[in-house]
C-alpha atoms as a PDB file:
ATOM      1  CA  MET A   1    -149.081  16.297  91.185  1.00  0.00           C
ATOM      2  CA  LEU A   2    -146.451  18.820  91.379  1.00  0.00           C
ATOM      3  CA  SER A   3    -146.260  22.776  90.927  1.00  0.00           C
ATOM      4  CA  PRO A   4    -143.231  24.292  89.484  1.00  0.00           C
ATOM      5  CA  HIS A   5    -140.264  24.770  91.852  1.00  0.00           C
ATOM      6  CA  PHE A   6    -137.198  25.138  90.007  1.00  0.00           C
ATOM      7  CA  SER A   7    -133.731  25.385  92.011  1.00  0.00           C
ATOM      8  CA  ALA A   8    -130.983  24.022  90.063  1.00  0.00           C
ATOM      9  CA  ASP A   9    -127.408  23.650  91.767  1.00  0.00           C
ATOM     10  CA  PRO A  10    -124.740  25.480  89.741  1.00  0.00           C
ATOM     11  CA  GLU A  11    -121.947  23.417  91.360  1.00  0.00           C
ATOM     12  CA  LEU A  12    -123.662  20.213  90.534  1.00  0.00           C
ATOM     13  CA  LEU A  13    -124.741  21.406  86.957  1.00  0.00           C
ATOM     14  CA  ALA A  14    -120.954  22.422  86.522  1.00  0.00           C
ATOM     15  CA  ALA A  15    -119.763  18.947  87.775  1.00  0.00           C
ATOM     16  CA  LEU A  16    -122.437  17.236  85.249  1.00  0.00           C
ATOM     17  CA  ARG A  17    -120.985  19.294  82.399  1.00  0.00           C
ATOM     18  CA  GLU A  18    -117.249  18.792  83.034  1.00  0.00           C
ATOM     19  CA  HIS A  19    -117.158  14.892  84.348  1.00  0.00           C
ATOM     20  CA  GLY A  20    -120.698  13.520  83.296  1.00  0.00           C
ATOM     21  CA  HIS A  21    -121.642  12.564  87.199  1.00  0.00           C
ATOM     22  CA  ARG A  22    -121.716  13.614  90.612  1.00  0.00           C
ATOM     23  CA  PHE A  23    -121.886  11.946  93.797  1.00  0.00           C
ATOM     24  CA  LEU A  24    -123.959  13.610  96.284  1.00  0.00           C
ATOM     25  CA  PRO A  25    -123.597  12.592  99.855  1.00  0.00           C
ATOM     26  CA  ALA A  26    -126.724  12.367 102.137  1.00  0.00           C
ATOM     27  CA  ALA A  27    -126.418  15.731 103.885  1.00  0.00           C
ATOM     28  CA  GLN A  28    -126.114  17.650 100.546  1.00  0.00           C
ATOM     29  CA  LEU A  29    -129.015  16.115  99.017  1.00  0.00           C
ATOM     30  CA  HIS A  30    -131.148  16.473 102.029  1.00  0.00           C
ATOM     31  CA  ALA A  31    -130.430  20.251 101.869  1.00  0.00           C
ATOM     32  CA  ALA A  32    -131.194  20.639  98.292  1.00  0.00           C
ATOM     33  CA  LEU A  33    -134.437  18.607  98.493  1.00  0.00           C
ATOM     34  CA  ALA A  34    -135.711  20.833 101.326  1.00  0.00           C
ATOM     35  CA  PRO A  35    -137.258  23.562  99.022  1.00  0.00           C
ATOM     36  CA  HIS A  36    -139.283  20.845  97.511  1.00  0.00           C
ATOM     37  CA  GLY A  37    -140.734  18.991 100.212  1.00  0.00           C
ATOM     38  CA  ALA A  38    -139.743  18.117 104.015  1.00  0.00           C
ATOM     39  CA  LEU A  39    -139.506  14.218 103.639  1.00  0.00           C
ATOM     40  CA  ALA A  40    -142.134  13.708 106.298  1.00  0.00           C
ATOM     41  CA  ASP A  41    -143.042  10.517 104.802  1.00  0.00           C
ATOM     42  CA  TRP A  42    -139.645   8.914 104.720  1.00  0.00           C
ATOM     43  CA  ASP A  43    -140.428   5.978 107.005  1.00  0.00           C
ATOM     44  CA  ALA A  44    -143.524   5.012 104.869  1.00  0.00           C
ATOM     45  CA  PHE A  45    -141.439   5.685 101.571  1.00  0.00           C
ATOM     46  CA  ALA A  46    -138.554   3.593 102.763  1.00  0.00           C
ATOM     47  CA  ALA A  47    -140.943   0.783 104.157  1.00  0.00           C
ATOM     48  CA  SER A  48    -142.722   0.527 100.684  1.00  0.00           C
ATOM     49  CA  TRP A  49    -139.752  -1.529  99.387  1.00  0.00           C
ATOM     50  CA  ASP A  50    -140.841  -4.315 101.759  1.00  0.00           C
ATOM     51  CA  GLY A  51    -142.862  -6.952 100.128  1.00  0.00           C
ATOM     52  CA  MET A  52    -141.930  -6.288  96.498  1.00  0.00           C
ATOM     53  CA  PRO A  53    -142.563  -9.131  94.165  1.00  0.00           C
ATOM     54  CA  LEU A  54    -139.285 -10.944  92.535  1.00  0.00           C
ATOM     55  CA  ASP A  55    -138.273  -9.623  89.245  1.00  0.00           C
ATOM     56  CA  ALA A  56    -139.534 -12.368  86.825  1.00  0.00           C
ATOM     57  CA  TYR A  57    -137.708 -11.227  83.743  1.00  0.00           C
ATOM     58  CA  MET A  58    -134.287 -12.168  84.837  1.00  0.00           C
ATOM     59  CA  ALA A  59    -132.622 -13.765  81.970  1.00  0.00           C
ATOM     60  CA  ASP A  60    -130.042 -15.308  83.945  1.00  0.00           C
ATOM     61  CA  GLY A  61    -132.576 -17.227  86.002  1.00  0.00           C
ATOM     62  CA  GLY A  62    -131.393 -14.854  89.225  1.00  0.00           C
ATOM     63  CA  ARG A  63    -133.939 -14.593  92.112  1.00  0.00           C
ATOM     64  CA  TYR A  64    -131.864 -11.876  93.993  1.00  0.00           C
ATOM     65  CA  ARG A  65    -133.875  -8.642  92.500  1.00  0.00           C
ATOM     66  CA  ARG A  66    -137.361  -7.218  93.435  1.00  0.00           C
ATOM     67  CA  ARG A  67    -138.887  -4.203  91.814  1.00  0.00           C
ATOM     68  CA  ARG A  68    -141.821  -1.850  91.015  1.00  0.00           C
ATOM     69  CA  TYR A  69    -142.020   0.627  88.420  1.00  0.00           C
ATOM     70  CA  ALA A  70    -144.085   3.673  87.436  1.00  0.00           C
ATOM     71  CA  VAL A  71    -143.905   6.114  84.735  1.00  0.00           C
ATOM     72  CA  TYR A  72    -144.414  10.062  84.836  1.00  0.00           C
ATOM     73  CA  ALA A  73    -144.773  12.968  82.556  1.00  0.00           C
ATOM     74  CA  GLY A  74    -142.753  16.300  83.403  1.00  0.00           C
ATOM     75  CA  SER A  75    -143.133  19.771  82.100  1.00  0.00           C
ATOM     76  CA  ALA A  76    -142.370  23.147  83.701  1.00  0.00           C
ATOM     77  CA  GLU A  77    -145.927  23.066  84.753  1.00  0.00           C
ATOM     78  CA  ALA A  78    -146.188  19.676  86.440  1.00  0.00           C
ATOM     79  CA  ILE A  79    -145.148  16.250  87.085  1.00  0.00           C
ATOM     80  CA  VAL A  80    -148.185  13.707  86.547  1.00  0.00           C
ATOM     81  CA  ARG A  81    -148.256   9.954  86.774  1.00  0.00           C
ATOM     82  CA  GLU A  82    -149.195   8.196  83.431  1.00  0.00           C
ATOM     83  CA  HIS A  83    -150.970   5.167  82.941  1.00  0.00           C
ATOM     84  CA  HIS A  84    -149.367   1.888  83.874  1.00  0.00           C
ATOM     85  CA  GLN A  85    -147.097   0.701  81.011  1.00  0.00           C
ATOM     86  CA  PRO A  86    -144.342  -1.772  80.463  1.00  0.00           C
ATOM     87  CA  HIS A  87    -140.550  -1.063  80.988  1.00  0.00           C
ATOM     88  CA  TRP A  88    -138.680  -1.533  77.681  1.00  0.00           C
ATOM     89  CA  GLN A  89    -134.993  -1.224  76.552  1.00  0.00           C
ATOM     90  CA  SER A  90    -133.314  -2.597  73.592  1.00  0.00           C
ATOM     91  CA  ARG A  91    -130.718  -4.912  73.705  1.00  0.00           C
ATOM     92  CA  ASP A  92    -128.193  -2.198  72.783  1.00  0.00           C
ATOM     93  CA  TYR A  93    -128.480  -0.935  76.293  1.00  0.00           C
ATOM     94  CA  ASN A  94    -129.496  -4.247  78.163  1.00  0.00           C
ATOM     95  CA  PRO A  95    -128.323  -7.212  76.552  1.00  0.00           C
ATOM     96  CA  LEU A  96    -129.277  -9.538  79.510  1.00  0.00           C
ATOM     97  CA  ASN A  97    -133.062  -8.412  79.881  1.00  0.00           C
ATOM     98  CA  GLY A  98    -133.749  -5.932  76.914  1.00  0.00           C
ATOM     99  CA  GLY A  99    -135.700  -6.697  73.820  1.00  0.00           C
ATOM    100  CA  ILE A 100    -139.093  -7.313  75.573  1.00  0.00           C
ATOM    101  CA  ALA A 101    -141.935  -5.501  77.336  1.00  0.00           C
ATOM    102  CA  ARG A 102    -141.381  -6.041  81.016  1.00  0.00           C
ATOM    103  CA  TRP A 103    -144.673  -5.521  83.049  1.00  0.00           C
ATOM    104  CA  PHE A 104    -143.598  -4.856  86.681  1.00  0.00           C
ATOM    105  CA  GLU A 105    -145.995  -4.298  89.572  1.00  0.00           C
ATOM    106  CA  PRO A 106    -146.809  -0.391  89.843  1.00  0.00           C
ATOM    107  CA  ILE A 107    -145.340   1.619  92.612  1.00  0.00           C
ATOM    108  CA  ASP A 108    -147.650   2.409  95.372  1.00  0.00           C
ATOM    109  CA  ALA A 109    -149.900   5.392  94.320  1.00  0.00           C
ATOM    110  CA  ALA A 110    -149.912   6.622  97.920  1.00  0.00           C
ATOM    111  CA  LEU A 111    -146.100   7.788  97.318  1.00  0.00           C
ATOM    112  CA  ASP A 112    -147.371  10.385  94.867  1.00  0.00           C
ATOM    113  CA  ALA A 113    -149.350  11.941  97.764  1.00  0.00           C
ATOM    114  CA  GLY A 114    -146.484  11.918 100.098  1.00  0.00           C
ATOM    115  CA  SER A 115    -143.741  14.445 100.375  1.00  0.00           C
ATOM    116  CA  THR A 116    -140.481  12.263  99.436  1.00  0.00           C
ATOM    117  CA  LEU A 117    -140.943  10.945  96.103  1.00  0.00           C
ATOM    118  CA  PRO A 118    -142.638  14.279  94.613  1.00  0.00           C
ATOM    119  CA  ALA A 119    -139.602  16.313  96.357  1.00  0.00           C
ATOM    120  CA  VAL A 120    -137.219  13.812  94.434  1.00  0.00           C
ATOM    121  CA  LEU A 121    -138.971  14.473  91.198  1.00  0.00           C
ATOM    122  CA  ALA A 122    -139.259  18.069  91.388  1.00  0.00           C
ATOM    123  CA  TRP A 123    -135.562  18.119  92.333  1.00  0.00           C
ATOM    124  CA  CYS A 124    -134.436  16.218  89.475  1.00  0.00           C
ATOM    125  CA  ARG A 125    -136.705  17.942  87.218  1.00  0.00           C
ATOM    126  CA  ALA A 126    -134.826  21.369  88.230  1.00  0.00           C
ATOM    127  CA  GLN A 127    -131.510  19.809  87.429  1.00  0.00           C
ATOM    128  CA  CYS A 128    -132.439  18.561  84.206  1.00  0.00           C
ATOM    129  CA  ALA A 129    -134.355  21.628  83.335  1.00  0.00           C
ATOM    130  CA  ALA A 130    -131.154  23.508  83.741  1.00  0.00           C
ATOM    131  CA  LEU A 131    -129.194  21.030  81.876  1.00  0.00           C
ATOM    132  CA  ALA A 132    -131.266  20.949  78.929  1.00  0.00           C
ATOM    133  CA  PRO A 133    -133.247  24.187  78.793  1.00  0.00           C
ATOM    134  CA  ASP A 134    -134.757  23.442  75.362  1.00  0.00           C
ATOM    135  CA  VAL A 135    -136.599  20.249  76.667  1.00  0.00           C
ATOM    136  CA  ALA A 136    -140.505  21.028  77.120  1.00  0.00           C
ATOM    137  CA  ARG A 137    -141.390  17.518  78.246  1.00  0.00           C
ATOM    138  CA  TRP A 138    -139.714  14.682  79.919  1.00  0.00           C
ATOM    139  CA  HIS A 139    -140.621  11.113  79.998  1.00  0.00           C
ATOM    140  CA  ILE A 140    -139.932  10.190  83.639  1.00  0.00           C
ATOM    141  CA  GLU A 141    -139.276   6.256  84.693  1.00  0.00           C
ATOM    142  CA  VAL A 142    -139.242   5.611  88.491  1.00  0.00           C
ATOM    143  CA  HIS A 143    -137.864   2.089  89.615  1.00  0.00           C
ATOM    144  CA  GLN A 144    -137.585   0.592  93.320  1.00  0.00           C
ATOM    145  CA  PHE A 145    -135.013  -2.218  93.323  1.00  0.00           C
ATOM    146  CA  ARG A 146    -134.403  -4.391  96.199  1.00  0.00           C
ATOM    147  CA  ILE A 147    -131.198  -6.577  95.646  1.00  0.00           C
ATOM    148  CA  GLU A 148    -131.014  -9.578  98.033  1.00  0.00           C
ATOM    149  CA  ALA A 149    -127.910 -11.388  98.951  1.00  0.00           C
ATOM    150  CA  ALA A 150    -127.519 -14.889 100.712  1.00  0.00           C
ATOM    151  CA  ALA A 151    -125.190 -17.624 101.385  1.00  0.00           C
ATOM    152  CA  GLY A 152    -124.027 -18.912  97.880  1.00  0.00           C
ATOM    153  CA  MET A 153    -125.812 -15.904  96.339  1.00  0.00           C
ATOM    154  CA  ASP A 154    -124.367 -12.785  95.636  1.00  0.00           C
ATOM    155  CA  GLY A 155    -126.815  -9.937  94.751  1.00  0.00           C
ATOM    156  CA  GLN A 156    -126.177  -8.164  91.407  1.00  0.00           C
ATOM    157  CA  PRO A 157    -127.386  -4.575  91.378  1.00  0.00           C
ATOM    158  CA  THR A 158    -126.518  -4.297  87.608  1.00  0.00           C
ATOM    159  CA  PRO A 159    -126.512  -7.881  86.132  1.00  0.00           C
ATOM    160  CA  GLU A 160    -126.058  -6.529  82.669  1.00  0.00           C
ATOM    161  CA  GLY A 161    -122.519  -4.972  83.736  1.00  0.00           C
ATOM    162  CA  VAL A 162    -121.483  -1.605  83.214  1.00  0.00           C
ATOM    163  CA  HIS A 163    -123.911  -0.047  80.969  1.00  0.00           C
ATOM    164  CA  ARG A 164    -125.695   3.164  79.800  1.00  0.00           C
ATOM    165  CA  ASP A 165    -129.657   3.183  80.372  1.00  0.00           C
ATOM    166  CA  GLY A 166    -130.441   4.953  76.798  1.00  0.00           C
ATOM    167  CA  VAL A 167    -131.903   8.027  78.597  1.00  0.00           C
ATOM    168  CA  ASP A 168    -130.703  11.600  79.287  1.00  0.00           C
ATOM    169  CA  TYR A 169    -130.075  11.429  83.148  1.00  0.00           C
ATOM    170  CA  VAL A 170    -130.203   8.947  85.702  1.00  0.00           C
ATOM    171  CA  LEU A 171    -130.486   9.512  89.352  1.00  0.00           C
ATOM    172  CA  VAL A 172    -129.584   6.523  92.142  1.00  0.00           C
ATOM    173  CA  LEU A 173    -130.600   7.115  95.563  1.00  0.00           C
ATOM    174  CA  MET A 174    -129.832   4.839  98.496  1.00  0.00           C
ATOM    175  CA  VAL A 175    -132.727   4.133 100.467  1.00  0.00           C
ATOM    176  CA  ARG A 176    -131.729   1.593 102.763  1.00  0.00           C
ATOM    177  CA  ARG A 177    -128.515  -1.047 103.221  1.00  0.00           C
ATOM    178  CA  HIS A 178    -129.190  -4.005 105.424  1.00  0.00           C
ATOM    179  CA  ASN A 179    -126.365  -6.456 106.203  1.00  0.00           C
ATOM    180  CA  ILE A 180    -124.493  -6.141 103.078  1.00  0.00           C
ATOM    181  CA  ALA A 181    -120.986  -5.643 101.920  1.00  0.00           C
ATOM    182  CA  SER A 182    -119.706  -4.046  98.661  1.00  0.00           C
ATOM    183  CA  GLY A 183    -122.115  -2.354  96.302  1.00  0.00           C
ATOM    184  CA  THR A 184    -119.485  -0.172  94.983  1.00  0.00           C
ATOM    185  CA  THR A 185    -120.780   2.256  92.017  1.00  0.00           C
ATOM    186  CA  THR A 186    -118.337   2.780  89.361  1.00  0.00           C
ATOM    187  CA  ILE A 187    -118.336   5.391  86.650  1.00  0.00           C
ATOM    188  CA  HIS A 188    -116.786   4.693  83.263  1.00  0.00           C
ATOM    189  CA  ALA A 189    -115.756   6.641  79.996  1.00  0.00           C
ATOM    190  CA  PRO A 190    -117.344   5.025  76.869  1.00  0.00           C
ATOM    191  CA  ASP A 191    -113.703   3.691  76.148  1.00  0.00           C
ATOM    192  CA  GLY A 192    -113.831   1.656  79.622  1.00  0.00           C
ATOM    193  CA  ARG A 193    -111.652   4.030  81.599  1.00  0.00           C
ATOM    194  CA  ARG A 194    -112.702   4.183  85.091  1.00  0.00           C
ATOM    195  CA  LEU A 195    -113.695   7.763  85.959  1.00  0.00           C
ATOM    196  CA  GLY A 196    -114.921   7.424  89.573  1.00  0.00           C
ATOM    197  CA  ALA A 197    -115.902   4.914  92.322  1.00  0.00           C
ATOM    198  CA  PHE A 198    -117.955   5.300  95.625  1.00  0.00           C
ATOM    199  CA  THR A 199    -120.349   3.308  97.755  1.00  0.00           C
ATOM    200  CA  LEU A 200    -123.658   4.595  98.320  1.00  0.00           C
ATOM    201  CA  THR A 201    -124.190   3.781 102.175  1.00  0.00           C
ATOM    202  CA  ALA A 202    -126.256   6.316 104.246  1.00  0.00           C
ATOM    203  CA  PRO A 203    -130.005   6.798 103.038  1.00  0.00           C
ATOM    204  CA  LEU A 204    -130.132   9.642 100.553  1.00  0.00           C
ATOM    205  CA  ASP A 205    -126.392   9.090  99.330  1.00  0.00           C
ATOM    206  CA  ALA A 206    -126.872   9.467  95.677  1.00  0.00           C
ATOM    207  CA  VAL A 207    -125.403   9.877  92.300  1.00  0.00           C
ATOM    208  CA  LEU A 208    -126.557  12.078  89.100  1.00  0.00           C
ATOM    209  CA  VAL A 209    -125.433  10.631  85.797  1.00  0.00           C
ATOM    210  CA  ASP A 210    -125.438  12.079  82.370  1.00  0.00           C
ATOM    211  CA  ASP A 211    -126.347   9.078  80.451  1.00  0.00           C
ATOM    212  CA  HIS A 212    -124.911  10.177  77.336  1.00  0.00           C
ATOM    213  CA  ARG A 213    -121.440  10.794  78.434  1.00  0.00           C
ATOM    214  CA  VAL A 214    -120.667   7.989  80.953  1.00  0.00           C
ATOM    215  CA  PHE A 215    -121.400   4.507  81.722  1.00  0.00           C
ATOM    216  CA  HIS A 216    -122.297   3.130  85.248  1.00  0.00           C
ATOM    217  CA  GLY A 217    -122.255  -0.304  86.971  1.00  0.00           C
ATOM    218  CA  VAL A 218    -122.474  -1.538  90.533  1.00  0.00           C
ATOM    219  CA  THR A 219    -120.410  -4.368  92.260  1.00  0.00           C
ATOM    220  CA  PRO A 220    -122.154  -7.534  93.613  1.00  0.00           C
ATOM    221  CA  VAL A 221    -123.349  -7.477  97.134  1.00  0.00           C
ATOM    222  CA  GLN A 222    -122.846 -10.044  99.615  1.00  0.00           C
ATOM    223  CA  PRO A 223    -124.115 -10.892 103.133  1.00  0.00           C
ATOM    224  CA  LEU A 224    -122.338  -9.928 106.357  1.00  0.00           C
ATOM    225  CA  ASP A 225    -124.238 -12.432 108.473  1.00  0.00           C
ATOM    226  CA  ALA A 226    -125.434 -15.201 106.067  1.00  0.00           C
ATOM    227  CA  ALA A 227    -127.979 -16.139 108.956  1.00  0.00           C
ATOM    228  CA  GLN A 228    -129.737 -12.816 108.515  1.00  0.00           C
ATOM    229  CA  PRO A 229    -131.672 -11.063 105.630  1.00  0.00           C
ATOM    230  CA  ALA A 230    -129.303  -8.990 103.609  1.00  0.00           C
ATOM    231  CA  TYR A 231    -130.354  -6.268 100.830  1.00  0.00           C
ATOM    232  CA  ARG A 232    -129.732  -3.045  98.968  1.00  0.00           C
ATOM    233  CA  ASP A 233    -132.670  -0.788  98.328  1.00  0.00           C
ATOM    234  CA  VAL A 234    -132.421   1.956  95.920  1.00  0.00           C
ATOM    235  CA  LEU A 235    -134.629   4.217  94.023  1.00  0.00           C
ATOM    236  CA  VAL A 236    -133.677   4.957  90.344  1.00  0.00           C
ATOM    237  CA  VAL A 237    -135.088   7.850  88.409  1.00  0.00           C
ATOM    238  CA  THR A 238    -134.511   8.310  84.583  1.00  0.00           C
ATOM    239  CA  PHE A 239    -135.467  11.430  82.739  1.00  0.00           C
ATOM    240  CA  ARG A 240    -135.384  11.210  78.862  1.00  0.00           C
ATOM    241  CA  ARG A 241    -136.440  14.321  76.683  1.00  0.00           C
ATOM    242  CA  GLN A 242    -139.951  13.538  74.750  1.00  0.00           C
ATOM    243  CA  ALA A 243    -140.427  14.803  71.590  1.00  0.00           C
END
C-alpha cells in the first residue's frame, strides 16, 4: 500500500515525550501530511462517513453511533491492509463495550487506493517510528466514527468515559462537524488531573496521544438546530507494537 517515507516532527515528538499529547490545528497537520500525499480525494474520503451502519454493540442501548473498521500491518517497508477481523478490547480499557469480539462493517477498500488515508497512516507511522525506534512492526486499527445527536438524545463520543485504549499511540482526526455544539476533548493524568482541553472543529484538526501516559475523553454533543441532522465525524487511528 505504502512505500517508506519518514518525516517525524521534532516539536511534536518533544511535546509527546513531555506532556503525553499534542493538539494539532488543521493548518499544521495539513502541512505535515503534504510530503505523504496531496489529500486529493478528501471529498470522497469525507463522504465515506455517510451511510455507515449503526454500532450494534452498544451496551447502553444507544443508537447515536455509526462506525466502520479496518486493520493494517505497518513496518518500515510498507503499510498493508490485513484480513477483516473483529475489534476487541478488554473490560479493563472499555468497561461498557469491552470483553467481546465486535464485528464492524469494513472501511471501504477504495480509500486504501486514494491519497488521504495512506497519507494519514504514513505520517502516523513516521511519528511512531521516531517515538519507538525499537519497534519493527505495528498493529494499526482504523475506525470511522459518526456520533449523531437529536432533540432529547445527546451524542456520546466516548460513552465509556475518560479512558485509555490499551495501545501505544492514538490519533483522533476531525473530518466533519455538522450542526453540533460541544464535543470537547479532555486529556487527563492517570490520577484524574485534567492536563488539557480543546475542541476539534475544523476538518483536519487532530490530537495525537501517548496512550501509556494519559487518558482521554470527549464531552457529549448536542444539536444546534434540533430540526436538522447533527453529527460529528472523526477518524481514529491506533498504533500498537506487535511482537
